């Protein structure tokens, strides 16, 4: 074994002796416990964003539809007036 490999092996052994028993399991359990609320809050934020977008689209569509309806009604009124004038002229 090379001197460098031997030095790394001693360093690993020393590091392993510094870690208390069960430390990796505790770290994994803590990470999993922290991930659940994070996932729930992330999903809640996504749902709130989608709801805001849907409301914005609905309001925009209602405003545009109202303007189009008024324009269409005015156009049909003009067509009806012209048809009435044409009918009276015959």
PDB file of N, CA and C in Angstrom:
ATOM      1  N   UNK A   1       0.853  -1.167   0.000  1.00  0.00           N
ATOM      2  CA  UNK A   1       0.000   0.000   0.000  1.00  0.00           C
ATOM      3  C   UNK A   1       0.897   1.228   0.000  1.00  0.00           C
ATOM      4  N   UNK A   2       0.553   2.206  -0.815  1.00  0.00           N
ATOM      5  CA  UNK A   2       1.340   3.431  -0.884  1.00  0.00           C
ATOM      6  C   UNK A   2       1.200   4.214   0.413  1.00  0.00           C
ATOM      7  N   UNK A   3       2.135   5.068   0.627  1.00  0.00           N
ATOM      8  CA  UNK A   3       2.113   5.906   1.827  1.00  0.00           C
ATOM      9  C   UNK A   3       0.893   6.821   1.811  1.00  0.00           C
ATOM     10  N   UNK A   4       0.558   7.339   0.626  1.00  0.00           N
ATOM     11  CA  UNK A   4      -0.591   8.238   0.520  1.00  0.00           C
ATOM     12  C   UNK A   4      -1.882   7.493   0.849  1.00  0.00           C
ATOM     13  N   UNK A   5      -2.040   6.278   0.330  1.00  0.00           N
ATOM     14  CA  UNK A   5      -3.235   5.486   0.625  1.00  0.00           C
ATOM     15  C   UNK A   5      -3.325   5.164   2.115  1.00  0.00           C
ATOM     16  N   UNK A   6      -2.190   4.869   2.710  1.00  0.00           N
ATOM     17  CA  UNK A   6      -2.155   4.564   4.138  1.00  0.00           C
ATOM     18  C   UNK A   6      -2.564   5.797   4.962  1.00  0.00           C
ATOM     19  N   UNK A   7      -2.103   6.966   4.531  1.00  0.00           N
ATOM     20  CA  UNK A   7      -2.452   8.201   5.236  1.00  0.00           C
ATOM     21  C   UNK A   7      -3.957   8.459   5.127  1.00  0.00           C
ATOM     22  N   UNK A   8      -4.536   8.232   3.943  1.00  0.00           N
ATOM     23  CA  UNK A   8      -5.976   8.432   3.773  1.00  0.00           C
ATOM     24  C   UNK A   8      -6.765   7.440   4.620  1.00  0.00           C
ATOM     25  N   UNK A   9      -6.290   6.207   4.700  1.00  0.00           N
ATOM     26  CA  UNK A   9      -6.984   5.203   5.509  1.00  0.00           C
ATOM     27  C   UNK A   9      -6.963   5.591   6.984  1.00  0.00           C
ATOM     28  N   UNK A  10      -5.830   6.078   7.470  1.00  0.00           N
ATOM     29  CA  UNK A  10      -5.764   6.531   8.862  1.00  0.00           C
ATOM     30  C   UNK A  10      -6.685   7.722   9.102  1.00  0.00           C
ATOM     31  N   UNK A  11      -6.752   8.612   8.109  1.00  0.00           N
ATOM     32  CA  UNK A  11      -7.628   9.775   8.231  1.00  0.00           C
ATOM     33  C   UNK A  11      -9.094   9.345   8.294  1.00  0.00           C
ATOM     34  N   UNK A  12      -9.488   8.379   7.471  1.00  0.00           N
ATOM     35  CA  UNK A  12     -10.862   7.857   7.502  1.00  0.00           C
ATOM     36  C   UNK A  12     -11.173   7.205   8.852  1.00  0.00           C
ATOM     37  N   UNK A  13     -10.222   6.426   9.355  1.00  0.00           N
ATOM     38  CA  UNK A  13     -10.430   5.765  10.644  1.00  0.00           C
ATOM     39  C   UNK A  13     -10.586   6.795  11.757  1.00  0.00           C
ATOM     40  N   UNK A  14      -9.764   7.823  11.719  1.00  0.00           N
ATOM     41  CA  UNK A  14      -9.850   8.865  12.744  1.00  0.00           C
ATOM     42  C   UNK A  14     -11.204   9.588  12.659  1.00  0.00           C
ATOM     43  N   UNK A  15     -11.657   9.908  11.416  1.00  0.00           N
ATOM     44  CA  UNK A  15     -12.940  10.578  11.230  1.00  0.00           C
ATOM     45  C   UNK A  15     -14.082   9.692  11.716  1.00  0.00           C
ATOM     46  N   UNK A  16     -14.007   8.385  11.414  1.00  0.00           N
ATOM     47  CA  UNK A  16     -15.055   7.461  11.847  1.00  0.00           C
ATOM     48  C   UNK A  16     -15.104   7.368  13.364  1.00  0.00           C
ATOM     49  N   UNK A  17     -13.979   7.490  14.011  1.00  0.00           N
ATOM     50  CA  UNK A  17     -13.975   7.415  15.474  1.00  0.00           C
ATOM     51  C   UNK A  17     -14.584   8.673  16.101  1.00  0.00           C
ATOM     52  N   UNK A  18     -14.624   9.773  15.380  1.00  0.00           N
ATOM     53  CA  UNK A  18     -15.178  11.024  15.885  1.00  0.00           C
ATOM     54  C   UNK A  18     -16.705  11.068  15.794  1.00  0.00           C
ATOM     55  N   UNK A  19     -17.283  10.232  14.934  1.00  0.00           N
ATOM     56  CA  UNK A  19     -18.734  10.229  14.734  1.00  0.00           C
ATOM     57  C   UNK A  19     -19.373   9.317  15.771  1.00  0.00           C
ATOM     58  N   UNK A  20     -20.412   9.837  16.419  1.00  0.00           N
ATOM     59  CA  UNK A  20     -21.093   9.031  17.427  1.00  0.00           C
ATOM     60  C   UNK A  20     -21.917   7.935  16.747  1.00  0.00           C
ATOM     61  N   UNK A  21     -22.171   6.823  17.453  1.00  0.00           N
ATOM     62  CA  UNK A  21     -22.958   5.740  16.862  1.00  0.00           C
ATOM     63  C   UNK A  21     -24.373   6.217  16.505  1.00  0.00           C
ATOM     64  N   UNK A  22     -24.856   5.799  15.358  1.00  0.00           N
ATOM     65  CA  UNK A  22     -26.198   6.158  14.924  1.00  0.00           C
ATOM     66  C   UNK A  22     -26.307   7.529  14.292  1.00  0.00           C
ATOM     67  N   UNK A  23     -25.180   8.219  14.150  1.00  0.00           N
ATOM     68  CA  UNK A  23     -25.215   9.571  13.582  1.00  0.00           C
ATOM     69  C   UNK A  23     -25.780   9.592  12.161  1.00  0.00           C
ATOM     70  N   UNK A  24     -25.330   8.714  11.268  1.00  0.00           N
ATOM     71  CA  UNK A  24     -25.894   8.741   9.907  1.00  0.00           C
ATOM     72  C   UNK A  24     -27.408   8.505   9.888  1.00  0.00           C
ATOM     73  N   UNK A  25     -27.893   7.601  10.734  1.00  0.00           N
ATOM     74  CA  UNK A  25     -29.335   7.354  10.788  1.00  0.00           C
ATOM     75  C   UNK A  25     -30.093   8.581  11.284  1.00  0.00           C
ATOM     76  N   UNK A  26     -29.553   9.257  12.292  1.00  0.00           N
ATOM     77  CA  UNK A  26     -30.205  10.464  12.804  1.00  0.00           C
ATOM     78  C   UNK A  26     -30.236  11.567  11.749  1.00  0.00           C
ATOM     79  N   UNK A  27     -29.153  11.690  11.010  1.00  0.00           N
ATOM     80  CA  UNK A  27     -29.100  12.711   9.960  1.00  0.00           C
ATOM     81  C   UNK A  27     -30.140  12.415   8.883  1.00  0.00           C
ATOM     82  N   UNK A  28     -30.233  11.155   8.465  1.00  0.00           N
ATOM     83  CA  UNK A  28     -31.209  10.790   7.441  1.00  0.00           C
ATOM     84  C   UNK A  28     -32.642  10.998   7.929  1.00  0.00           C
ATOM     85  N   UNK A  29     -32.928  10.625   9.178  1.00  0.00           N
ATOM     86  CA  UNK A  29     -34.271  10.833   9.718  1.00  0.00           C
ATOM     87  C   UNK A  29     -34.619  12.313   9.791  1.00  0.00           C
ATOM     88  N   UNK A  30     -33.669  13.134  10.213  1.00  0.00           N
ATOM     89  CA  UNK A  30     -33.904  14.580  10.298  1.00  0.00           C
ATOM     90  C   UNK A  30     -34.128  15.178   8.907  1.00  0.00           C
ATOM     91  N   UNK A  31     -33.377  14.701   7.937  1.00  0.00           N
ATOM     92  CA  UNK A  31     -33.543  15.205   6.568  1.00  0.00           C
ATOM     93  C   UNK A  31     -34.906  14.824   6.010  1.00  0.00           C
ATOM     94  N   UNK A  32     -35.346  13.604   6.269  1.00  0.00           N
ATOM     95  CA  UNK A  32     -36.663  13.174   5.788  1.00  0.00           C
ATOM     96  C   UNK A  32     -37.786  13.947   6.475  1.00  0.00           C
ATOM     97  N   UNK A  33     -37.635  14.208   7.752  1.00  0.00           N
ATOM     98  CA  UNK A  33     -38.653  14.961   8.488  1.00  0.00           C
ATOM     99  C   UNK A  33     -38.729  16.400   7.988  1.00  0.00           C
ATOM    100  N   UNK A  34     -37.597  16.979   7.655  1.00  0.00           N
ATOM    101  CA  UNK A  34     -37.581  18.358   7.152  1.00  0.00           C
ATOM    102  C   UNK A  34     -38.103  18.427   5.729  1.00  0.00           C
ATOM    103  N   UNK A  35     -37.983  17.352   4.974  1.00  0.00           N
ATOM    104  CA  UNK A  35     -38.415  17.358   3.577  1.00  0.00           C
ATOM    105  C   UNK A  35     -39.933  17.387   3.460  1.00  0.00           C
ATOM    106  N   UNK A  36     -40.647  16.756   4.360  1.00  0.00           N
ATOM    107  CA  UNK A  36     -42.110  16.692   4.263  1.00  0.00           C
ATOM    108  C   UNK A  36     -42.763  18.069   4.351  1.00  0.00           C
ATOM    109  N   UNK A  37     -42.481  18.877   5.357  1.00  0.00           N
ATOM    110  CA  UNK A  37     -43.090  20.211   5.395  1.00  0.00           C
ATOM    111  C   UNK A  37     -42.651  21.068   4.209  1.00  0.00           C
ATOM    112  N   UNK A  38     -41.423  20.882   3.763  1.00  0.00           N
ATOM    113  CA  UNK A  38     -40.939  21.652   2.631  1.00  0.00           C
ATOM    114  C   UNK A  38     -41.736  21.293   1.385  1.00  0.00           C
ATOM    115  N   UNK A  39     -42.001  20.017   1.184  1.00  0.00           N
ATOM    116  CA  UNK A  39     -42.770  19.579   0.030  1.00  0.00           C
ATOM    117  C   UNK A  39     -44.201  20.104   0.103  1.00  0.00           C
ATOM    118  N   UNK A  40     -44.792  20.037   1.277  1.00  0.00           N
ATOM    119  CA  UNK A  40     -46.165  20.520   1.449  1.00  0.00           C
ATOM    120  C   UNK A  40     -46.238  22.025   1.194  1.00  0.00           C
ATOM    121  N   UNK A  41     -45.289  22.782   1.711  1.00  0.00           N
ATOM    122  CA  UNK A  41     -45.311  24.228   1.494  1.00  0.00           C
ATOM    123  C   UNK A  41     -45.053  24.555   0.023  1.00  0.00           C
ATOM    124  N   UNK A  42     -44.224  23.769  -0.635  1.00  0.00           N
ATOM    125  CA  UNK A  42     -43.954  23.977  -2.061  1.00  0.00           C
ATOM    126  C   UNK A  42     -45.221  23.723  -2.881  1.00  0.00           C
ATOM    127  N   UNK A  43     -45.925  22.651  -2.570  1.00  0.00           N
ATOM    128  CA  UNK A  43     -47.163  22.347  -3.278  1.00  0.00           C
ATOM    129  C   UNK A  43     -48.235  23.405  -3.007  1.00  0.00           C
ATOM    130  N   UNK A  44     -48.294  23.898  -1.776  1.00  0.00           N
ATOM    131  CA  UNK A  44     -49.258  24.950  -1.440  1.00  0.00           C
ATOM    132  C   UNK A  44     -48.948  26.227  -2.224  1.00  0.00           C
ATOM    133  N   UNK A  45     -47.686  26.561  -2.355  1.00  0.00           N
ATOM    134  CA  UNK A  45     -47.296  27.744  -3.116  1.00  0.00           C
ATOM    135  C   UNK A  45     -47.661  27.579  -4.591  1.00  0.00           C
ATOM    136  N   UNK A  46     -47.468  26.395  -5.125  1.00  0.00           N
ATOM    137  CA  UNK A  46     -47.842  26.126  -6.519  1.00  0.00           C
ATOM    138  C   UNK A  46     -49.350  26.259  -6.710  1.00  0.00           C
ATOM    139  N   UNK A  47     -50.120  25.728  -5.787  1.00  0.00           N
ATOM    140  CA  UNK A  47     -51.583  25.813  -5.884  1.00  0.00           C
ATOM    141  C   UNK A  47     -52.049  27.265  -5.777  1.00  0.00           C
ATOM    142  N   UNK A  48     -51.457  28.039  -4.882  1.00  0.00           N
ATOM    143  CA  UNK A  48     -51.831  29.447  -4.741  1.00  0.00           C
ATOM    144  C   UNK A  48     -51.481  30.233  -6.001  1.00  0.00           C
ATOM    145  N   UNK A  49     -50.332  29.962  -6.584  1.00  0.00           N
ATOM    146  CA  UNK A  49     -49.932  30.631  -7.814  1.00  0.00           C
ATOM    147  C   UNK A  49     -50.892  30.291  -8.951  1.00  0.00           C
ATOM    148  N   UNK A  50     -51.265  29.027  -9.063  1.00  0.00           N
ATOM    149  CA  UNK A  50     -52.218  28.608 -10.102  1.00  0.00           C
ATOM    150  C   UNK A  50     -53.566  29.290  -9.908  1.00  0.00           C
ATOM    151  N   UNK A  51     -54.013  29.399  -8.672  1.00  0.00           N
ATOM    152  CA  UNK A  51     -55.296  30.052  -8.400  1.00  0.00           C
ATOM    153  C   UNK A  51     -55.252  31.533  -8.783  1.00  0.00           C
ATOM    154  N   UNK A  52     -54.170  32.209  -8.449  1.00  0.00           N
ATOM    155  CA  UNK A  52     -54.039  33.626  -8.802  1.00  0.00           C
ATOM    156  C   UNK A  52     -54.028  33.794 -10.324  1.00  0.00           C
ATOM    157  N   UNK A  53     -53.325  32.910 -11.014  1.00  0.00           N
ATOM    158  CA  UNK A  53     -53.281  32.980 -12.481  1.00  0.00           C
ATOM    159  C   UNK A  53     -54.664  32.754 -13.078  1.00  0.00           C
ATOM    160  N   UNK A  54     -55.400  31.783 -12.568  1.00  0.00           N
ATOM    161  CA  UNK A  54     -56.746  31.523 -13.084  1.00  0.00           C
ATOM    162  C   UNK A  54     -57.684  32.707 -12.857  1.00  0.00           C
ATOM    163  N   UNK A  55     -57.588  33.330 -11.697  1.00  0.00           N
ATOM    164  CA  UNK A  55     -58.416  34.508 -11.415  1.00  0.00           C
ATOM    165  C   UNK A  55     -58.046  35.648 -12.370  1.00  0.00           C
ATOM    166  N   UNK A  56     -56.752  35.846 -12.602  1.00  0.00           N
ATOM    167  CA  UNK A  56     -56.317  36.910 -13.509  1.00  0.00           C
ATOM    168  C   UNK A  56     -56.825  36.654 -14.923  1.00  0.00           C
ATOM    169  N   UNK A  57     -56.743  35.424 -15.385  1.00  0.00           N
ATOM    170  CA  UNK A  57     -57.228  35.082 -16.725  1.00  0.00           C
ATOM    171  C   UNK A  57     -58.737  35.273 -16.808  1.00  0.00           C
ATOM    172  N   UNK A  58     -59.471  34.857 -15.792  1.00  0.00           N
ATOM    173  CA  UNK A  58     -60.929  35.007 -15.797  1.00  0.00           C
ATOM    174  C   UNK A  58     -61.321  36.481 -15.831  1.00  0.00           C
ATOM    175  N   UNK A  59     -60.654  37.316 -15.038  1.00  0.00           N
ATOM    176  CA  UNK A  59     -60.964  38.745 -15.030  1.00  0.00           C
ATOM    177  C   UNK A  59     -60.631  39.390 -16.372  1.00  0.00           C
ATOM    178  N   UNK A  60     -59.503  39.032 -16.945  1.00  0.00           N
ATOM    179  CA  UNK A  60     -59.105  39.575 -18.245  1.00  0.00           C
ATOM    180  C   UNK A  60     -60.104  39.149 -19.312  1.00  0.00           C
ATOM    181  N   UNK A  61     -60.497  37.884 -19.297  1.00  0.00           N
ATOM    182  CA  UNK A  61     -61.442  37.365 -20.286  1.00  0.00           C
ATOM    183  C   UNK A  61     -62.807  38.049 -20.141  1.00  0.00           C
ATOM    184  N   UNK A  62     -63.242  38.270 -18.916  1.00  0.00           N
ATOM    185  CA  UNK A  62     -64.531  38.929 -18.694  1.00  0.00           C
ATOM    186  C   UNK A  62     -64.494  40.362 -19.214  1.00  0.00           C
ATOM    187  N   UNK A  63     -63.387  41.048 -19.019  1.00  0.00           N
ATOM    188  CA  UNK A  63     -63.268  42.431 -19.488  1.00  0.00           C
ATOM    189  C   UNK A  63     -63.252  42.470 -21.011  1.00  0.00           C
ATOM    190  N   UNK A  64     -62.486  41.579 -21.623  1.00  0.00           N
ATOM    191  CA  UNK A  64     -62.406  41.531 -23.087  1.00  0.00           C
ATOM    192  C   UNK A  64     -63.750  41.113 -23.675  1.00  0.00           C
ATOM    193  N   UNK A  65     -64.397  40.118 -23.086  1.00  0.00           N
ATOM    194  CA  UNK A  65     -65.693  39.653 -23.587  1.00  0.00           C
ATOM    195  C   UNK A  65     -66.730  40.759 -23.507  1.00  0.00           C
ATOM    196  N   UNK A  66     -66.725  41.533 -22.435  1.00  0.00           N
ATOM    197  CA  UNK A  66     -67.664  42.646 -22.292  1.00  0.00           C
ATOM    198  C   UNK A  66     -67.452  43.681 -23.375  1.00  0.00           C
ATOM    199  N   UNK A  67     -66.206  44.007 -23.683  1.00  0.00           N
ATOM    200  CA  UNK A  67     -65.901  44.973 -24.738  1.00  0.00           C
ATOM    201  C   UNK A  67     -66.342  44.435 -26.101  1.00  0.00           C
ATOM    202  N   UNK A  68     -66.080  43.161 -26.351  1.00  0.00           N
ATOM    203  CA  UNK A  68     -66.467  42.557 -27.629  1.00  0.00           C
ATOM    204  C   UNK A  68     -67.985  42.513 -27.767  1.00  0.00           C
ATOM    205  N   UNK A  69     -68.679  42.182 -26.686  1.00  0.00           N
ATOM    206  CA  UNK A  69     -70.148  42.143 -26.730  1.00  0.00           C
ATOM    207  C   UNK A  69     -70.708  43.518 -27.082  1.00  0.00           C
ATOM    208  N   UNK A  70     -70.186  44.556 -26.454  1.00  0.00           N
ATOM    209  CA  UNK A  70     -70.664  45.911 -26.732  1.00  0.00           C
ATOM    210  C   UNK A  70     -70.395  46.278 -28.187  1.00  0.00           C
ATOM    211  N   UNK A  71     -69.232  45.929 -28.706  1.00  0.00           N
ATOM    212  CA  UNK A  71     -68.897  46.215 -30.102  1.00  0.00           C
ATOM    213  C   UNK A  71     -69.813  45.456 -31.046  1.00  0.00           C
ATOM    214  N   UNK A  72     -70.049  44.177 -30.752  1.00  0.00           N
ATOM    215  CA  UNK A  72     -70.914  43.362 -31.605  1.00  0.00           C
ATOM    216  C   UNK A  72     -72.356  43.872 -31.591  1.00  0.00           C
ATOM    217  N   UNK A  73     -72.858  44.245 -30.429  1.00  0.00           N
ATOM    218  CA  UNK A  73     -74.231  44.753 -30.326  1.00  0.00           C
ATOM    219  C   UNK A  73     -74.367  46.055 -31.113  1.00  0.00           C
ATOM    220  N   UNK A  74     -73.354  46.926 -30.993  1.00  0.00           N
ATOM    221  CA  UNK A  74     -73.392  48.183 -31.747  1.00  0.00           C
ATOM    222  C   UNK A  74     -73.365  47.898 -33.250  1.00  0.00           C
ATOM    223  N   UNK A  75     -72.565  46.943 -33.670  1.00  0.00           N
ATOM    224  CA  UNK A  75     -72.489  46.580 -35.088  1.00  0.00           C
ATOM    225  C   UNK A  75     -73.816  46.034 -35.599  1.00  0.00           C
ATOM    226  N   UNK A  76     -74.422  45.144 -34.827  1.00  0.00           N
ATOM    227  CA  UNK A  76     -75.724  44.585 -35.237  1.00  0.00           C
ATOM    228  C   UNK A  76     -76.806  45.649 -35.240  1.00  0.00           C
ATOM    229  N   UNK A  77     -76.726  46.587 -34.309  1.00  0.00           N
ATOM    230  CA  UNK A  77     -77.691  47.700 -34.306  1.00  0.00           C
ATOM    231  C   UNK A  77     -77.581  48.521 -35.581  1.00  0.00           C
ATOM    232  N   UNK A  78     -76.356  48.764 -36.009  1.00  0.00           N
ATOM    233  CA  UNK A  78     -76.134  49.516 -37.244  1.00  0.00           C
ATOM    234  C   UNK A  78     -76.655  48.745 -38.457  1.00  0.00           C
ATOM    235  N   UNK A  79     -76.398  47.449 -38.502  1.00  0.00           N
ATOM    236  CA  UNK A  79     -76.896  46.611 -39.591  1.00  0.00           C
ATOM    237  C   UNK A  79     -78.424  46.614 -39.606  1.00  0.00           C
ATOM    238  N   UNK A  80     -79.049  46.513 -38.445  1.00  0.00           N
ATOM    239  CA  UNK A  80     -80.517  46.528 -38.364  1.00  0.00           C
ATOM    240  C   UNK A  80     -81.067  47.862 -38.836  1.00  0.00           C
ATOM    241  N   UNK A  81     -80.398  48.976 -38.475  1.00  0.00           N
ATOM    242  CA  UNK A  81     -80.850  50.306 -38.916  1.00  0.00           C
ATOM    243  C   UNK A  81     -80.737  50.435 -40.425  1.00  0.00           C
ATOM    244  N   UNK A  82     -79.642  49.945 -40.990  1.00  0.00           N
ATOM    245  CA  UNK A  82     -79.470  50.015 -42.437  1.00  0.00           C
ATOM    246  C   UNK A  82     -80.507  49.134 -43.148  1.00  0.00           C
ATOM    247  N   UNK A  83     -80.786  47.960 -42.594  1.00  0.00           N
ATOM    248  CA  UNK A  83     -81.811  47.085 -43.195  1.00  0.00           C
ATOM    249  C   UNK A  83     -83.169  47.742 -43.126  1.00  0.00           C
ATOM    250  N   UNK A  84     -83.466  48.411 -42.047  1.00  0.00           N
ATOM    251  CA  UNK A  84     -84.753  49.113 -41.900  1.00  0.00           C
ATOM    252  C   UNK A  84     -84.859  50.248 -42.915  1.00  0.00           C
ATOM    253  N   UNK A  85     -83.762  51.006 -43.076  1.00  0.00           N
ATOM    254  CA  UNK A  85     -83.746  52.088 -44.062  1.00  0.00           C
ATOM    255  C   UNK A  85     -83.931  51.539 -45.470  1.00  0.00           C
ATOM    256  N   UNK A  86     -83.250  50.438 -45.763  1.00  0.00           N
ATOM    257  CA  UNK A  86     -83.352  49.816 -47.070  1.00  0.00           C
ATOM    258  C   UNK A  86     -84.781  49.328 -47.326  1.00  0.00           C
ATOM    259  N   UNK A  87     -85.382  48.757 -46.294  1.00  0.00           N
ATOM    260  CA  UNK A  87     -86.751  48.237 -46.414  1.00  0.00           C
ATOM    261  C   UNK A  87     -87.735  49.381 -46.652  1.00  0.00           C
ATOM    262  N   UNK A  88     -87.526  50.507 -45.992  1.00  0.00           N
ATOM    263  CA  UNK A  88     -88.421  51.655 -46.158  1.00  0.00           C
ATOM    264  C   UNK A  88     -88.230  52.293 -47.537  1.00  0.00           C
ATOM    265  N   UNK A  89     -87.030  52.174 -48.087  1.00  0.00           N
ATOM    266  CA  UNK A  89     -86.743  52.776 -49.391  1.00  0.00           C
ATOM    267  C   UNK A  89     -87.362  51.978 -50.531  1.00  0.00           C
ATOM    268  N   UNK A  90     -87.677  50.739 -50.338  1.00  0.00           N
ATOM    269  CA  UNK A  90     -88.256  49.934 -51.418  1.00  0.00           C
ATOM    270  C   UNK A  90     -89.688  50.204 -51.482  1.00  0.00           C
TER     271      UNK A  90
END
